[in-house]
Amino acid sequence: MDEFSKYRSPLVSRYASKEMAYNFSDRKKFTTWRKLWIYLAKAEKRRCEPYRMQCLALGLLVTDAQVTEMESHAEDIDFAMAVEEESKLRHDVMAHVHTFAHCCPTAAPIIHLGATSCYVGDNTDLILLRDGFDILLPKLARVIDRLSNFAEKYAGLPTLGFTHYQPAQLTTVGKRACLWLQDLAMDMRNLQRAREDLRFRGVKGTTGTQASFLQLFQGDHDKVEDLDRMVTEMAGFKKAYMVTGQTYSRKVDIDSLSHLASMGATIHKICTDIRLLANLKEIEEPFEKEQIGSSAMAYKRNPMRCERCCSLARHLIALLADPLQTASVQWLERTLDDSANRRISLPESFLTADIILSTLQNITEGLVVYPKVIERHIRHELPFMATENIIMAMVKAGGNRQDCHEKIRVLSQQAANVVKQEGGDNDLLARVQADPYFAPILGHLDNILDPKTFIGRAPQQVARFLSEEVRPLLEPYKAEIDVKFELEL
């Protein structure tokens, strides 16, 4: 059966980066299993030296030759043999123990010595989670960097604010981008913390008591703890969980995936905002020269990148239900309720997060702003927003506040009727200019209606936010920040 005759996950076949797809591949998984067996053998060899004669008598002595043999075959996995072994044994770990032993006959007696399936399974999952975060964090940093540049460039460009998706007081294009950045910065800190909080399961045995290793080391508790520490360090972790059942706590998966889901919510909001602004023709995502928006409507410029992000973000958010329910049904030291679910939910969460970050990077590297359209929208709404300023100017010129308020109210209603009932432009300013009552302030109307007087401290807020909160967050990723991403549509 060829590859086109069976289902392939579009997360890998269509969207995901090569590095994230490899991180959750069979090759990465099973070579990591072999590395873990090598780490265990090396540590057991060092810890068994004081008991050389006893271990030799029991046939448990690990030799340099065995370790060397295992290292020489760490990468050459016979996947066909492993599949055949698993079909007979109905146990994936033992299938790979036998496959590894087949090419390492000298080391065969000590492969997986004292370990349980979760020694390779759970520890590998923790390595993949850690490495997955290491792939995601620089990508998130690049998105934040591109959006920071955008916010800085447009820090002072006035634009209509919207509350309830109705025109509200002005903000700036850059200030709105900072609202997106603030959420992304929270996601960055959450992912960093989740990555740093990951520990190794370590060498714990079948129910977490380390009983098999205590027996191996003739009751020497210090040697067992040294073994656990050595293997943990070989795997690149600073700490192992001090207590486990057969597995590490499945709340660790909740912690990791909840922050990915939270980032999904952030990206969905950002891309929805861009889609709404694209409808107003104020801001658009990149659009390729020969890109087709619709097979029927040739003029269409659909925001398909943002739509893709929203679509996949919903999947990422939905995946969070899996680890929540999995953790809740782990009876006592463990059940196998977790296994099949985690094979899907862990990789898919990281693959999906990877895809939407890469896509959002592409979007933020090519956002297009149309200042004239934004200016026109402001011009349509600003006269209504400026009524209070006009009243204040009239009072300063000697007018009565209540009389002025009534004049403005009547003129505003007339102008609103033109906009809503007749489909015309907002002519409130022309009505004010034509009314002799407002003659004392006619020379000041241009200043009163300058959009920059309505944006408050938005430019200053942008500058301070970028300087104090955003730029420092990117420092650890400076060496990777300039990597471009070409989206394969």
Protein backbone atom coordinates (compact mmCIF):
# COMPACT_ATOMS: atom_id res chain seq x y z
CA MET A 1 0.00 0.00 0.00
CA ASP A 2 1.51 3.34 -1.04
CA GLU A 3 1.47 6.40 1.21
CA PHE A 4 -1.46 7.94 -0.67
CA SER A 5 -3.67 4.93 0.05
CA LYS A 6 -3.73 5.41 3.82
CA TYR A 7 -4.55 8.25 6.16
CA ARG A 8 -1.74 10.66 7.00
CA SER A 9 -2.08 13.31 9.66
CA PRO A 10 -2.04 16.73 7.97
CA LEU A 11 -0.20 18.03 11.02
CA VAL A 12 2.87 16.28 9.63
CA SER A 13 2.12 15.77 5.93
CA ARG A 14 0.94 19.34 5.33
CA TYR A 15 1.96 21.74 8.07
CA ALA A 16 4.58 20.92 10.72
CA SER A 17 8.25 21.90 10.58
CA LYS A 18 10.79 19.18 9.93
CA GLU A 19 12.39 19.68 13.34
CA MET A 20 9.16 19.25 15.29
CA ALA A 21 8.03 16.35 13.12
CA TYR A 22 11.37 14.66 13.80
CA ASN A 23 11.12 15.36 17.53
CA PHE A 24 8.06 13.12 17.75
CA SER A 25 9.15 10.61 15.13
CA ASP A 26 9.68 6.90 15.73
CA ARG A 27 13.36 7.32 15.01
CA LYS A 28 13.82 10.00 17.68
CA LYS A 29 11.72 8.01 20.15
CA PHE A 30 13.45 4.67 19.76
CA THR A 31 17.00 6.01 19.46
CA THR A 32 16.26 7.83 22.72
CA TRP A 33 15.19 4.52 24.25
CA ARG A 34 18.54 3.06 23.25
CA LYS A 35 20.42 6.04 24.67
CA LEU A 36 18.55 5.58 27.95
CA TRP A 37 19.57 1.92 28.06
CA ILE A 38 23.16 3.01 27.44
CA TYR A 39 22.98 5.62 30.23
CA LEU A 40 21.62 2.97 32.59
CA ALA A 41 24.32 0.47 31.66
CA LYS A 42 27.07 3.06 32.14
CA ALA A 43 25.74 4.11 35.52
CA GLU A 44 25.24 0.50 36.64
CA LYS A 45 28.77 -0.33 35.57
CA ARG A 46 30.20 2.47 37.71
CA ARG A 47 28.01 1.70 40.70
CA CYS A 48 28.59 -2.08 40.50
CA GLU A 49 32.38 -1.80 40.68
CA PRO A 50 32.47 -2.08 44.52
CA TYR A 51 30.47 -5.32 44.22
CA ARG A 52 32.41 -6.74 41.31
CA MET A 53 32.63 -10.31 42.61
CA GLN A 54 28.99 -10.47 43.72
CA CYS A 55 27.75 -9.03 40.43
CA LEU A 56 30.00 -11.38 38.47
CA ALA A 57 28.62 -14.36 40.37
CA LEU A 58 25.06 -13.23 39.58
CA GLY A 59 25.92 -12.59 35.94
CA LEU A 60 25.12 -8.89 36.38
CA LEU A 61 28.50 -7.29 35.81
CA VAL A 62 28.39 -4.59 33.13
CA THR A 63 31.59 -4.42 31.07
CA ASP A 64 33.20 -1.78 28.88
CA ALA A 65 32.77 -4.09 25.91
CA GLN A 66 29.02 -4.27 26.46
CA VAL A 67 28.67 -0.51 26.73
CA THR A 68 30.80 0.02 23.61
CA GLU A 69 28.71 -2.50 21.69
CA MET A 70 25.49 -0.74 22.69
CA GLU A 71 26.88 2.67 21.72
CA SER A 72 27.94 1.39 18.31
CA HIS A 73 24.36 0.31 17.56
CA ALA A 74 22.47 3.23 19.11
CA GLU A 75 21.25 4.53 15.75
CA ASP A 76 20.87 1.48 13.49
CA ILE A 77 17.37 0.33 14.41
CA ASP A 78 15.81 -2.53 12.46
CA PHE A 79 12.26 -1.22 12.49
CA ALA A 80 10.92 -4.21 10.56
CA MET A 81 12.27 -6.59 13.20
CA ALA A 82 10.80 -4.41 15.97
CA VAL A 83 7.37 -4.54 14.32
CA GLU A 84 7.62 -8.32 13.96
CA GLU A 85 8.68 -8.71 17.60
CA GLU A 86 5.84 -6.51 18.81
CA SER A 87 3.30 -8.52 16.81
CA LYS A 88 4.47 -11.60 18.73
CA LEU A 89 5.05 -10.12 22.18
CA ARG A 90 2.29 -7.48 22.23
CA HIS A 91 4.70 -5.24 24.14
CA ASP A 92 6.51 -2.38 22.43
CA VAL A 93 9.33 -2.01 24.98
CA MET A 94 10.21 -5.70 25.03
CA ALA A 95 10.05 -5.77 21.24
CA HIS A 96 12.75 -3.10 21.13
CA VAL A 97 14.75 -4.79 23.90
CA HIS A 98 14.87 -7.93 21.73
CA THR A 99 15.67 -5.90 18.60
CA PHE A 100 18.51 -4.09 20.36
CA ALA A 101 19.77 -7.35 21.88
CA HIS A 102 19.83 -8.95 18.43
CA CYS A 103 22.51 -6.52 17.23
CA CYS A 104 24.23 -6.42 20.64
CA PRO A 105 24.67 -10.09 21.62
CA THR A 106 27.40 -9.34 24.15
CA ALA A 107 25.31 -6.66 25.87
CA ALA A 108 22.03 -8.59 25.60
CA PRO A 109 22.09 -9.89 29.23
CA ILE A 110 22.27 -6.40 30.75
CA ILE A 111 20.00 -4.35 28.44
CA HIS A 112 17.10 -2.94 30.51
CA LEU A 113 18.67 -4.36 33.69
CA GLY A 114 16.51 -3.54 36.72
CA ALA A 115 14.28 -1.21 34.68
CA THR A 116 10.59 -1.12 33.88
CA SER A 117 8.92 -0.04 30.64
CA CYS A 118 8.34 3.45 32.00
CA TYR A 119 12.07 3.90 32.44
CA VAL A 120 12.35 4.30 28.68
CA GLY A 121 8.77 5.35 27.94
CA ASP A 122 8.26 8.12 30.47
CA ASN A 123 11.83 9.40 30.45
CA THR A 124 11.71 9.63 26.67
CA ASP A 125 8.44 11.55 26.83
CA LEU A 126 10.02 14.05 29.21
CA ILE A 127 12.98 14.46 26.87
CA LEU A 128 10.62 15.03 23.93
CA LEU A 129 8.61 17.59 25.91
CA ARG A 130 11.80 19.42 26.88
CA ASP A 131 13.13 19.37 23.32
CA GLY A 132 9.71 20.42 22.03
CA PHE A 133 9.76 23.50 24.24
CA ASP A 134 13.28 24.23 22.99
CA ILE A 135 11.92 24.28 19.44
CA LEU A 136 8.90 26.42 20.29
CA LEU A 137 10.52 29.10 22.44
CA PRO A 138 12.79 30.62 19.75
CA LYS A 139 9.83 30.62 17.35
CA LEU A 140 7.71 32.47 19.87
CA ALA A 141 10.59 34.90 20.41
CA ARG A 142 10.70 35.60 16.67
CA VAL A 143 6.96 36.32 16.59
CA ILE A 144 7.35 38.71 19.53
CA ASP A 145 10.32 40.39 17.84
CA ARG A 146 8.48 40.95 14.55
CA LEU A 147 5.38 42.24 16.30
CA SER A 148 7.53 44.51 18.49
CA ASN A 149 9.04 46.09 15.38
CA PHE A 150 5.54 46.56 14.00
CA ALA A 151 4.33 48.16 17.24
CA GLU A 152 7.30 50.51 17.32
CA LYS A 153 6.82 51.55 13.69
CA TYR A 154 3.14 52.37 14.18
CA ALA A 155 3.29 53.55 17.81
CA GLY A 156 1.92 56.97 16.88
CA LEU A 157 -0.49 56.12 14.05
CA PRO A 158 -4.00 56.93 15.32
CA THR A 159 -6.73 54.39 14.65
CA LEU A 160 -10.28 53.83 15.79
CA GLY A 161 -10.58 51.80 18.94
CA PHE A 162 -13.44 49.35 19.14
CA THR A 163 -15.38 48.16 22.16
CA HIS A 164 -18.26 45.72 21.55
CA TYR A 165 -17.02 46.01 17.94
CA GLN A 166 -18.46 49.52 17.88
CA PRO A 167 -16.28 52.60 17.29
CA ALA A 168 -14.81 53.91 20.53
CA GLN A 169 -12.10 56.42 21.46
CA LEU A 170 -8.94 56.43 19.39
CA THR A 171 -5.90 54.31 20.13
CA THR A 172 -2.88 53.70 17.87
CA VAL A 173 -2.03 50.79 15.61
CA GLY A 174 1.13 50.19 17.66
CA LYS A 175 -0.70 50.30 20.99
CA ARG A 176 -3.19 47.69 19.78
CA ALA A 177 -0.26 45.48 18.75
CA CYS A 178 1.09 45.84 22.29
CA LEU A 179 -2.10 44.27 23.61
CA TRP A 180 -1.25 41.25 21.47
CA LEU A 181 2.36 41.39 22.63
CA GLN A 182 1.38 41.46 26.28
CA ASP A 183 -0.45 38.14 25.89
CA LEU A 184 2.43 36.63 23.92
CA ALA A 185 4.88 37.75 26.60
CA MET A 186 2.76 35.95 29.19
CA ASP A 187 2.88 32.85 27.00
CA MET A 188 6.65 33.16 26.72
CA ARG A 189 7.08 33.27 30.48
CA ASN A 190 4.65 30.37 30.94
CA LEU A 191 6.47 28.19 28.41
CA GLN A 192 9.84 29.05 29.91
CA ARG A 193 8.63 28.11 33.37
CA ALA A 194 7.01 24.88 32.17
CA ARG A 195 10.24 23.92 30.42
CA GLU A 196 12.39 24.70 33.46
CA ASP A 197 10.01 22.86 35.80
CA LEU A 198 10.31 19.62 33.83
CA ARG A 199 12.22 16.96 35.71
CA PHE A 200 13.40 13.49 34.78
CA ARG A 201 11.45 10.45 35.93
CA GLY A 202 14.78 8.81 36.54
CA VAL A 203 15.49 5.26 37.69
CA LYS A 204 12.56 4.30 39.91
CA GLY A 205 11.59 0.70 39.14
CA THR A 206 8.14 -0.80 38.70
CA THR A 207 6.14 1.13 41.30
CA GLY A 208 8.56 3.94 42.05
CA THR A 209 10.24 2.32 45.08
CA GLN A 210 13.58 1.51 43.37
CA ALA A 211 13.40 -1.96 44.95
CA SER A 212 15.08 -3.74 42.01
CA PHE A 213 18.05 -1.38 42.12
CA LEU A 214 18.36 -1.64 45.88
CA GLN A 215 18.62 -5.40 45.42
CA LEU A 216 21.15 -4.98 42.62
CA PHE A 217 23.37 -2.86 44.87
CA GLN A 218 23.13 -5.16 47.87
CA GLY A 219 20.96 -2.79 49.90
CA ASP A 220 23.21 0.25 49.43
CA HIS A 221 20.77 3.20 49.33
CA ASP A 222 23.49 5.71 48.43
CA LYS A 223 24.41 3.73 45.32
CA VAL A 224 20.77 3.69 44.21
CA GLU A 225 20.52 7.46 44.63
CA ASP A 226 23.82 7.92 42.80
CA LEU A 227 22.52 5.76 39.94
CA ASP A 228 19.37 7.88 39.69
CA ARG A 229 21.40 11.10 39.75
CA MET A 230 23.94 9.90 37.17
CA VAL A 231 21.32 8.81 34.64
CA THR A 232 19.39 12.05 35.19
CA GLU A 233 22.51 14.11 34.43
CA MET A 234 23.40 12.00 31.38
CA ALA A 235 19.94 12.77 29.99
CA GLY A 236 20.55 16.50 30.44
CA PHE A 237 18.25 17.17 33.39
CA LYS A 238 19.17 18.98 36.59
CA LYS A 239 16.72 17.07 38.75
CA ALA A 240 14.56 13.96 38.83
CA TYR A 241 11.20 13.71 40.53
CA MET A 242 11.86 12.47 44.05
CA VAL A 243 8.71 10.35 44.12
CA THR A 244 6.82 8.62 41.32
CA GLY A 245 4.47 5.73 40.91
CA GLN A 246 5.23 3.59 37.92
CA THR A 247 4.92 6.80 35.88
CA TYR A 248 5.70 10.42 36.51
CA SER A 249 2.61 12.36 37.58
CA ARG A 250 0.34 13.02 34.63
CA LYS A 251 -0.25 16.51 36.02
CA VAL A 252 3.09 17.31 34.40
CA ASP A 253 1.39 16.79 31.03
CA ILE A 254 -1.45 19.08 32.12
CA ASP A 255 1.07 21.77 33.02
CA SER A 256 2.85 21.53 29.67
CA LEU A 257 -0.21 21.32 27.45
CA SER A 258 -2.23 23.93 29.34
CA HIS A 259 0.35 26.58 28.48
CA LEU A 260 0.32 25.52 24.84
CA ALA A 261 -3.48 25.73 24.83
CA SER A 262 -3.29 29.16 26.47
CA MET A 263 -0.92 30.28 23.72
CA GLY A 264 -3.45 28.92 21.23
CA ALA A 265 -6.07 31.23 22.73
CA THR A 266 -3.68 34.18 22.38
CA ILE A 267 -2.97 33.45 18.74
CA HIS A 268 -6.65 32.88 17.94
CA LYS A 269 -7.44 36.33 19.37
CA ILE A 270 -4.61 38.02 17.45
CA CYS A 271 -5.55 36.43 14.15
CA THR A 272 -9.25 37.15 14.68
CA ASP A 273 -8.39 40.81 15.26
CA ILE A 274 -6.38 40.88 12.04
CA ARG A 275 -9.27 39.27 10.16
CA LEU A 276 -11.68 41.91 11.49
CA LEU A 277 -9.28 44.69 10.49
CA ALA A 278 -8.83 43.09 7.06
CA ASN A 279 -12.57 43.33 6.57
CA LEU A 280 -12.26 47.06 7.28
CA LYS A 281 -9.33 47.17 4.82
CA GLU A 282 -7.12 48.74 7.49
CA ILE A 283 -4.59 45.92 7.95
CA GLU A 284 -3.97 42.76 5.94
CA GLU A 285 -1.81 39.69 6.24
CA PRO A 286 0.74 39.13 3.44
CA PHE A 287 -0.77 38.25 0.06
CA GLU A 288 1.42 36.65 -2.58
CA LYS A 289 1.62 38.18 -6.05
CA GLU A 290 -0.02 35.18 -7.73
CA GLN A 291 -2.14 34.04 -4.78
CA ILE A 292 -5.80 33.30 -5.55
CA GLY A 293 -8.36 34.24 -2.91
CA SER A 294 -11.38 32.58 -4.50
CA SER A 295 -11.94 30.28 -7.47
CA ALA A 296 -15.05 32.29 -8.39
CA MET A 297 -14.49 35.81 -7.04
CA ALA A 298 -11.23 36.99 -8.59
CA TYR A 299 -11.01 40.16 -6.51
CA LYS A 300 -10.94 38.32 -3.15
CA ARG A 301 -8.00 38.65 -0.74
CA ASN A 302 -8.90 36.10 1.90
CA PRO A 303 -6.91 36.08 5.18
CA MET A 304 -6.14 32.37 4.84
CA ARG A 305 -3.03 32.43 7.05
CA CYS A 306 -4.99 33.91 9.95
CA GLU A 307 -7.84 31.53 9.24
CA ARG A 308 -5.42 28.60 9.41
CA CYS A 309 -4.06 29.83 12.73
CA CYS A 310 -7.57 30.13 14.15
CA SER A 311 -8.54 26.70 12.88
CA LEU A 312 -5.50 24.99 14.36
CA ALA A 313 -5.62 27.06 17.57
CA ARG A 314 -9.08 25.63 18.26
CA HIS A 315 -7.62 22.13 17.92
CA LEU A 316 -4.78 23.03 20.28
CA ILE A 317 -7.23 24.38 22.86
CA ALA A 318 -9.44 21.30 22.55
CA LEU A 319 -6.49 18.95 23.13
CA LEU A 320 -6.17 20.22 26.71
CA ALA A 321 -9.16 18.08 27.69
CA ASP A 322 -7.04 14.96 27.11
CA PRO A 323 -4.35 15.38 29.81
CA LEU A 324 -6.95 16.68 32.27
CA GLN A 325 -8.99 13.52 31.92
CA THR A 326 -5.94 11.27 31.70
CA ALA A 327 -4.55 12.50 35.01
CA SER A 328 -7.91 12.02 36.66
CA VAL A 329 -8.13 8.30 35.77
CA GLN A 330 -4.64 7.20 36.84
CA TRP A 331 -5.54 4.75 39.61
CA LEU A 332 -3.07 4.22 42.44
CA GLU A 333 0.45 3.66 40.98
CA ARG A 334 -0.86 3.74 37.36
CA THR A 335 -3.24 2.28 34.82
CA LEU A 336 -2.85 2.00 31.07
CA ASP A 337 -5.70 4.46 30.45
CA ASP A 338 -3.03 7.03 29.65
CA SER A 339 -1.02 5.24 26.99
CA ALA A 340 -3.02 5.44 23.76
CA ASN A 341 -4.30 8.92 24.57
CA ARG A 342 -0.85 10.34 25.28
CA ARG A 343 0.54 8.91 22.03
CA ILE A 344 -1.85 11.32 20.30
CA SER A 345 -2.30 14.31 22.60
CA LEU A 346 1.34 15.04 23.45
CA PRO A 347 2.75 15.07 19.89
CA GLU A 348 -0.31 16.76 18.40
CA SER A 349 -0.20 19.60 20.94
CA PHE A 350 3.43 20.41 20.15
CA LEU A 351 3.01 19.90 16.41
CA THR A 352 -0.01 22.20 16.36
CA ALA A 353 1.71 24.85 18.48
CA ASP A 354 4.71 24.67 16.15
CA ILE A 355 2.54 25.20 13.08
CA ILE A 356 0.63 28.20 14.36
CA LEU A 357 3.79 29.90 15.63
CA SER A 358 5.51 29.45 12.26
CA THR A 359 2.44 30.74 10.45
CA LEU A 360 2.09 33.71 12.80
CA GLN A 361 5.76 34.55 12.24
CA ASN A 362 5.07 34.68 8.52
CA ILE A 363 2.05 36.90 9.12
CA THR A 364 3.87 39.34 11.40
CA GLU A 365 6.80 39.60 9.00
CA GLY A 366 4.51 40.90 6.27
CA LEU A 367 1.59 42.77 7.85
CA VAL A 368 0.34 45.50 5.52
CA VAL A 369 -1.14 48.71 6.97
CA TYR A 370 -3.31 51.14 4.96
CA PRO A 371 -3.01 54.53 6.75
CA LYS A 372 -5.34 56.33 4.32
CA VAL A 373 -8.16 53.87 4.98
CA ILE A 374 -7.59 54.21 8.73
CA GLU A 375 -7.63 58.00 8.34
CA ARG A 376 -10.91 57.88 6.44
CA HIS A 377 -12.55 55.77 9.14
CA ILE A 378 -11.35 58.21 11.79
CA ARG A 379 -12.70 61.11 9.75
CA HIS A 380 -16.12 59.46 9.67
CA GLU A 381 -16.30 58.97 13.44
CA LEU A 382 -14.12 61.66 15.00
CA PRO A 383 -16.64 64.52 14.80
CA PHE A 384 -18.94 62.59 17.13
CA MET A 385 -16.07 61.81 19.49
CA ALA A 386 -14.95 65.45 19.46
CA THR A 387 -18.25 66.85 20.71
CA GLU A 388 -17.03 67.07 24.32
CA ASN A 389 -13.87 68.86 23.16
CA ILE A 390 -15.99 71.31 21.14
CA ILE A 391 -18.17 72.01 24.19
CA MET A 392 -15.08 72.64 26.33
CA ALA A 393 -13.63 75.01 23.71
CA MET A 394 -16.90 76.97 23.55
CA VAL A 395 -17.04 77.31 27.34
CA LYS A 396 -13.48 78.63 27.32
CA ALA A 397 -14.58 81.14 24.66
CA GLY A 398 -17.34 82.39 26.98
CA GLY A 399 -20.24 80.13 25.97
CA ASN A 400 -22.81 78.42 28.21
CA ARG A 401 -22.14 74.71 28.67
CA GLN A 402 -25.83 73.69 28.63
CA ASP A 403 -26.68 75.77 25.56
CA CYS A 404 -23.67 74.37 23.72
CA HIS A 405 -24.56 70.81 24.71
CA GLU A 406 -28.06 71.19 23.27
CA LYS A 407 -26.73 72.71 20.04
CA ILE A 408 -24.24 69.85 19.60
CA ARG A 409 -26.87 67.24 20.47
CA VAL A 410 -29.25 68.46 17.78
CA LEU A 411 -26.52 68.74 15.13
CA SER A 412 -25.16 65.29 16.04
CA GLN A 413 -28.57 63.67 15.63
CA GLN A 414 -28.99 65.34 12.25
CA ALA A 415 -25.56 64.12 11.12
CA ALA A 416 -26.25 60.61 12.42
CA ASN A 417 -29.47 60.54 10.42
CA VAL A 418 -27.53 61.40 7.25
CA VAL A 419 -25.11 58.52 7.93
CA LYS A 420 -27.66 55.88 8.93
CA GLN A 421 -30.79 56.80 6.97
CA GLU A 422 -29.31 58.29 3.82
CA GLY A 423 -26.01 56.42 3.63
CA GLY A 424 -24.10 59.69 3.47
CA ASP A 425 -20.88 60.83 5.10
CA ASN A 426 -20.69 62.28 8.59
CA ASP A 427 -21.31 66.02 8.03
CA LEU A 428 -21.33 67.12 11.69
CA LEU A 429 -18.22 69.24 11.21
CA ALA A 430 -19.80 71.08 8.27
CA ARG A 431 -22.93 71.71 10.35
CA VAL A 432 -20.84 73.13 13.20
CA GLN A 433 -18.94 75.38 10.78
CA ALA A 434 -22.20 76.62 9.26
CA ASP A 435 -23.81 77.48 12.60
CA PRO A 436 -23.06 81.09 13.72
CA TYR A 437 -23.21 79.95 17.34
CA PHE A 438 -19.81 78.28 16.95
CA ALA A 439 -18.09 81.26 15.28
CA PRO A 440 -15.81 81.89 18.32
CA ILE A 441 -14.01 78.57 17.85
CA LEU A 442 -13.98 78.08 14.08
CA GLY A 443 -10.29 78.96 13.93
CA HIS A 444 -9.51 76.22 16.44
CA LEU A 445 -11.50 73.37 14.89
CA ASP A 446 -8.52 71.86 13.06
CA ASN A 447 -6.60 71.55 16.31
CA ILE A 448 -9.67 70.30 18.17
CA LEU A 449 -10.14 67.57 15.55
CA ASP A 450 -6.49 66.55 15.24
CA PRO A 451 -6.55 62.76 15.81
CA LYS A 452 -3.26 62.91 17.72
CA THR A 453 -4.99 64.83 20.50
CA PHE A 454 -7.26 61.82 21.08
CA ILE A 455 -4.66 59.06 21.53
CA GLY A 456 -3.56 60.00 25.03
CA ARG A 457 -0.27 58.40 26.08
CA ALA A 458 -0.46 55.53 23.61
CA PRO A 459 2.93 56.25 21.93
CA GLN A 460 4.65 56.65 25.28
CA GLN A 461 3.03 53.45 26.58
CA VAL A 462 4.31 51.57 23.54
CA ALA A 463 7.87 52.83 23.97
CA ARG A 464 8.02 52.00 27.66
CA PHE A 465 6.36 48.60 27.29
CA LEU A 466 8.73 47.52 24.53
CA SER A 467 11.78 48.81 26.38
CA GLU A 468 11.02 47.50 29.85
CA GLU A 469 9.07 44.30 29.27
CA VAL A 470 9.39 42.99 25.74
CA ARG A 471 12.99 43.54 24.61
CA PRO A 472 14.52 42.04 27.79
CA LEU A 473 12.39 38.93 27.28
CA LEU A 474 14.07 38.34 23.91
CA GLU A 475 17.67 38.54 25.13
CA PRO A 476 18.18 34.76 25.55
CA TYR A 477 17.15 34.22 21.91
CA LYS A 478 19.24 36.90 20.18
CA ALA A 479 21.30 34.35 18.25
CA GLU A 480 18.14 32.80 16.75
CA ILE A 481 15.98 35.88 16.30
CA ASP A 482 16.78 36.66 12.64
CA VAL A 483 15.70 33.30 11.21
CA LYS A 484 13.10 33.80 8.46
CA PHE A 485 10.20 31.46 7.83
CA GLU A 486 8.86 30.80 4.36
CA LEU A 487 5.29 29.55 4.60
CA GLU A 488 4.40 26.64 2.34
CA LEU A 489 0.78 27.37 1.56
